[in-house]
């Protein structure tokens, strides 16, 4: 067949361009998803710091009024509060996209 080699090379070039476009689209989608997921976490961290600083400031104020124990307790709560709030703002870890672990679980449950 005359021209078959040229057609095969042309087809391979078109396929390569198509694959590169798909990979570029997938990469850009992944980058956008990461930006969205980090944005929500950042807001939660800022809120935790603001609340924590407010509680610590309240503890210092209460201690200056003469209630040392109450001020100490409030300040201790304010220091540990970001860790507690952080555990709620982290969110649920993403599940694995790999179907193999699920197959293994099903096989184990049958035994």
C-alpha atoms as a PDB file:
ATOM      1  CA  UNK A   1       0.000   0.000   0.000  1.00  0.00           C
ATOM      2  CA  UNK A   2       1.584   3.226  -1.041  1.00  0.00           C
ATOM      3  CA  UNK A   3       1.624   5.909   1.692  1.00  0.00           C
ATOM      4  CA  UNK A   4       0.874   3.450   4.538  1.00  0.00           C
ATOM      5  CA  UNK A   5       3.996   4.386   6.464  1.00  0.00           C
ATOM      6  CA  UNK A   6       3.138   8.082   6.248  1.00  0.00           C
ATOM      7  CA  UNK A   7      -0.419   7.394   7.469  1.00  0.00           C
ATOM      8  CA  UNK A   8       0.859   5.330  10.404  1.00  0.00           C
ATOM      9  CA  UNK A   9       3.301   8.055  11.444  1.00  0.00           C
ATOM     10  CA  UNK A  10       0.588  10.718  11.090  1.00  0.00           C
ATOM     11  CA  UNK A  11      -1.789   8.635  13.223  1.00  0.00           C
ATOM     12  CA  UNK A  12       0.894   8.191  15.914  1.00  0.00           C
ATOM     13  CA  UNK A  13       1.575  11.945  15.943  1.00  0.00           C
ATOM     14  CA  UNK A  14      -2.148  12.757  16.323  1.00  0.00           C
ATOM     15  CA  UNK A  15      -2.467  10.193  19.123  1.00  0.00           C
ATOM     16  CA  UNK A  16       0.556  11.686  20.896  1.00  0.00           C
ATOM     17  CA  UNK A  17      -0.906  15.194  20.709  1.00  0.00           C
ATOM     18  CA  UNK A  18      -4.265  13.907  21.988  1.00  0.00           C
ATOM     19  CA  UNK A  19      -2.635  12.058  24.910  1.00  0.00           C
ATOM     20  CA  UNK A  20      -0.605  15.131  25.874  1.00  0.00           C
ATOM     21  CA  UNK A  21      -3.760  17.274  25.886  1.00  0.00           C
ATOM     22  CA  UNK A  22      -5.533  14.741  28.133  1.00  0.00           C
ATOM     23  CA  UNK A  23      -2.577  14.642  30.534  1.00  0.00           C
ATOM     24  CA  UNK A  24      -2.431  18.456  30.625  1.00  0.00           C
ATOM     25  CA  UNK A  25      -6.158  18.629  31.404  1.00  0.00           C
ATOM     26  CA  UNK A  26      -5.859  16.007  34.148  1.00  0.00           C
ATOM     27  CA  UNK A  27      -2.838  17.739  35.694  1.00  0.00           C
ATOM     28  CA  UNK A  28      -4.585  21.118  35.713  1.00  0.00           C
ATOM     29  CA  UNK A  29      -7.674  19.548  37.309  1.00  0.00           C
ATOM     30  CA  UNK A  30      -5.507  17.991  40.038  1.00  0.00           C
ATOM     31  CA  UNK A  31      -3.802  21.317  40.715  1.00  0.00           C
ATOM     32  CA  UNK A  32      -7.170  23.091  40.999  1.00  0.00           C
ATOM     33  CA  UNK A  33      -8.464  20.402  43.375  1.00  0.00           C
ATOM     34  CA  UNK A  34      -5.392  20.782  45.595  1.00  0.00           C
ATOM     35  CA  UNK A  35      -5.822  24.553  45.747  1.00  0.00           C
ATOM     36  CA  UNK A  36      -9.460  24.146  46.780  1.00  0.00           C
ATOM     37  CA  UNK A  37      -8.692  21.570  49.459  1.00  0.00           C
ATOM     38  CA  UNK A  38      -5.862  23.634  50.993  1.00  0.00           C
ATOM     39  CA  UNK A  39      -7.997  26.793  51.007  1.00  0.00           C
ATOM     40  CA  UNK A  40     -10.590  25.310  53.372  1.00  0.00           C
ATOM     41  CA  UNK A  41      -7.930  24.023  55.732  1.00  0.00           C
ATOM     42  CA  UNK A  42      -6.206  27.397  55.843  1.00  0.00           C
ATOM     43  CA  UNK A  43      -9.447  29.125  56.856  1.00  0.00           C
ATOM     44  CA  UNK A  44      -9.913  26.630  59.703  1.00  0.00           C
ATOM     45  CA  UNK A  45      -6.353  27.224  60.910  1.00  0.00           C
ATOM     46  CA  UNK A  46      -6.811  30.991  60.937  1.00  0.00           C
ATOM     47  CA  UNK A  47     -10.068  30.641  62.882  1.00  0.00           C
ATOM     48  CA  UNK A  48      -8.384  28.316  65.400  1.00  0.00           C
ATOM     49  CA  UNK A  49      -5.558  30.796  65.997  1.00  0.00           C
ATOM     50  CA  UNK A  50      -7.961  33.719  66.435  1.00  0.00           C
ATOM     51  CA  UNK A  51     -10.135  31.809  68.926  1.00  0.00           C
ATOM     52  CA  UNK A  52      -7.063  30.537  70.770  1.00  0.00           C
ATOM     53  CA  UNK A  53      -5.555  34.005  71.105  1.00  0.00           C
ATOM     54  CA  UNK A  54      -8.877  35.371  72.333  1.00  0.00           C
ATOM     55  CA  UNK A  55      -9.124  32.669  75.024  1.00  0.00           C
ATOM     56  CA  UNK A  56      -5.499  33.209  76.129  1.00  0.00           C
ATOM     57  CA  UNK A  57      -6.094  36.987  76.281  1.00  0.00           C
ATOM     58  CA  UNK A  58      -9.210  36.337  78.361  1.00  0.00           C
ATOM     59  CA  UNK A  59      -7.182  34.140  80.701  1.00  0.00           C
ATOM     60  CA  UNK A  60      -4.559  36.837  81.148  1.00  0.00           C
ATOM     61  CA  UNK A  61      -7.255  39.417  81.821  1.00  0.00           C
ATOM     62  CA  UNK A  62      -8.972  37.178  84.389  1.00  0.00           C
ATOM     63  CA  UNK A  63      -5.605  36.515  86.078  1.00  0.00           C
ATOM     64  CA  UNK A  64      -4.928  40.280  86.277  1.00  0.00           C
ATOM     65  CA  UNK A  65      -8.297  40.700  88.007  1.00  0.00           C
ATOM     66  CA  UNK A  66      -6.989  38.473  90.794  1.00  0.00           C
ATOM     67  CA  UNK A  67      -8.344  35.060  89.806  1.00  0.00           C
ATOM     68  CA  UNK A  68      -5.041  33.309  89.151  1.00  0.00           C
ATOM     69  CA  UNK A  69      -6.389  29.768  88.905  1.00  0.00           C
ATOM     70  CA  UNK A  70      -9.198  30.705  86.545  1.00  0.00           C
ATOM     71  CA  UNK A  71      -6.758  32.674  84.387  1.00  0.00           C
ATOM     72  CA  UNK A  72      -4.351  29.740  84.296  1.00  0.00           C
ATOM     73  CA  UNK A  73      -7.091  27.316  83.293  1.00  0.00           C
ATOM     74  CA  UNK A  74      -8.383  29.636  80.579  1.00  0.00           C
ATOM     75  CA  UNK A  75      -4.875  30.177  79.196  1.00  0.00           C
ATOM     76  CA  UNK A  76      -4.191  26.424  79.208  1.00  0.00           C
ATOM     77  CA  UNK A  77      -7.412  25.836  77.317  1.00  0.00           C
ATOM     78  CA  UNK A  78      -6.439  28.556  74.842  1.00  0.00           C
ATOM     79  CA  UNK A  79      -3.072  26.929  74.238  1.00  0.00           C
ATOM     80  CA  UNK A  80      -4.552  23.457  73.594  1.00  0.00           C
ATOM     81  CA  UNK A  81      -7.550  24.705  71.620  1.00  0.00           C
ATOM     82  CA  UNK A  82      -5.786  24.901  68.207  1.00  0.00           C
ATOM     83  CA  UNK A  83      -4.890  21.217  68.415  1.00  0.00           C
ATOM     84  CA  UNK A  84      -8.476  20.297  69.187  1.00  0.00           C
ATOM     85  CA  UNK A  85      -9.913  22.531  66.470  1.00  0.00           C
ATOM     86  CA  UNK A  86      -7.224  21.339  64.043  1.00  0.00           C
ATOM     87  CA  UNK A  87      -8.365  17.761  64.427  1.00  0.00           C
ATOM     88  CA  UNK A  88     -11.851  18.789  63.297  1.00  0.00           C
ATOM     89  CA  UNK A  89     -10.728  21.026  60.433  1.00  0.00           C
ATOM     90  CA  UNK A  90      -8.360  18.478  58.889  1.00  0.00           C
ATOM     91  CA  UNK A  91     -11.216  16.554  57.380  1.00  0.00           C
ATOM     92  CA  UNK A  92     -11.538  12.921  56.470  1.00  0.00           C
ATOM     93  CA  UNK A  93      -8.573  11.336  54.687  1.00  0.00           C
ATOM     94  CA  UNK A  94      -9.258  10.411  51.100  1.00  0.00           C
ATOM     95  CA  UNK A  95      -9.891   6.774  50.403  1.00  0.00           C
ATOM     96  CA  UNK A  96      -7.542   4.853  48.181  1.00  0.00           C
ATOM     97  CA  UNK A  97      -8.528   4.671  44.536  1.00  0.00           C
ATOM     98  CA  UNK A  98      -6.797   1.300  44.288  1.00  0.00           C
ATOM     99  CA  UNK A  99      -9.416  -1.488  44.036  1.00  0.00           C
ATOM    100  CA  UNK A 100      -6.940  -4.138  45.221  1.00  0.00           C
ATOM    101  CA  UNK A 101      -7.336  -3.539  48.984  1.00  0.00           C
ATOM    102  CA  UNK A 102     -11.111  -3.966  48.689  1.00  0.00           C
ATOM    103  CA  UNK A 103     -10.684  -7.232  46.788  1.00  0.00           C
ATOM    104  CA  UNK A 104      -8.301  -8.469  49.478  1.00  0.00           C
ATOM    105  CA  UNK A 105     -10.803  -7.541  52.211  1.00  0.00           C
ATOM    106  CA  UNK A 106     -13.558  -9.439  50.438  1.00  0.00           C
ATOM    107  CA  UNK A 107     -11.337 -12.486  50.060  1.00  0.00           C
ATOM    108  CA  UNK A 108     -10.388 -12.376  53.743  1.00  0.00           C
ATOM    109  CA  UNK A 109     -14.026 -12.084  54.821  1.00  0.00           C
ATOM    110  CA  UNK A 110     -14.932 -15.197  52.815  1.00  0.00           C
ATOM    111  CA  UNK A 111     -12.356 -17.348  54.625  1.00  0.00           C
END
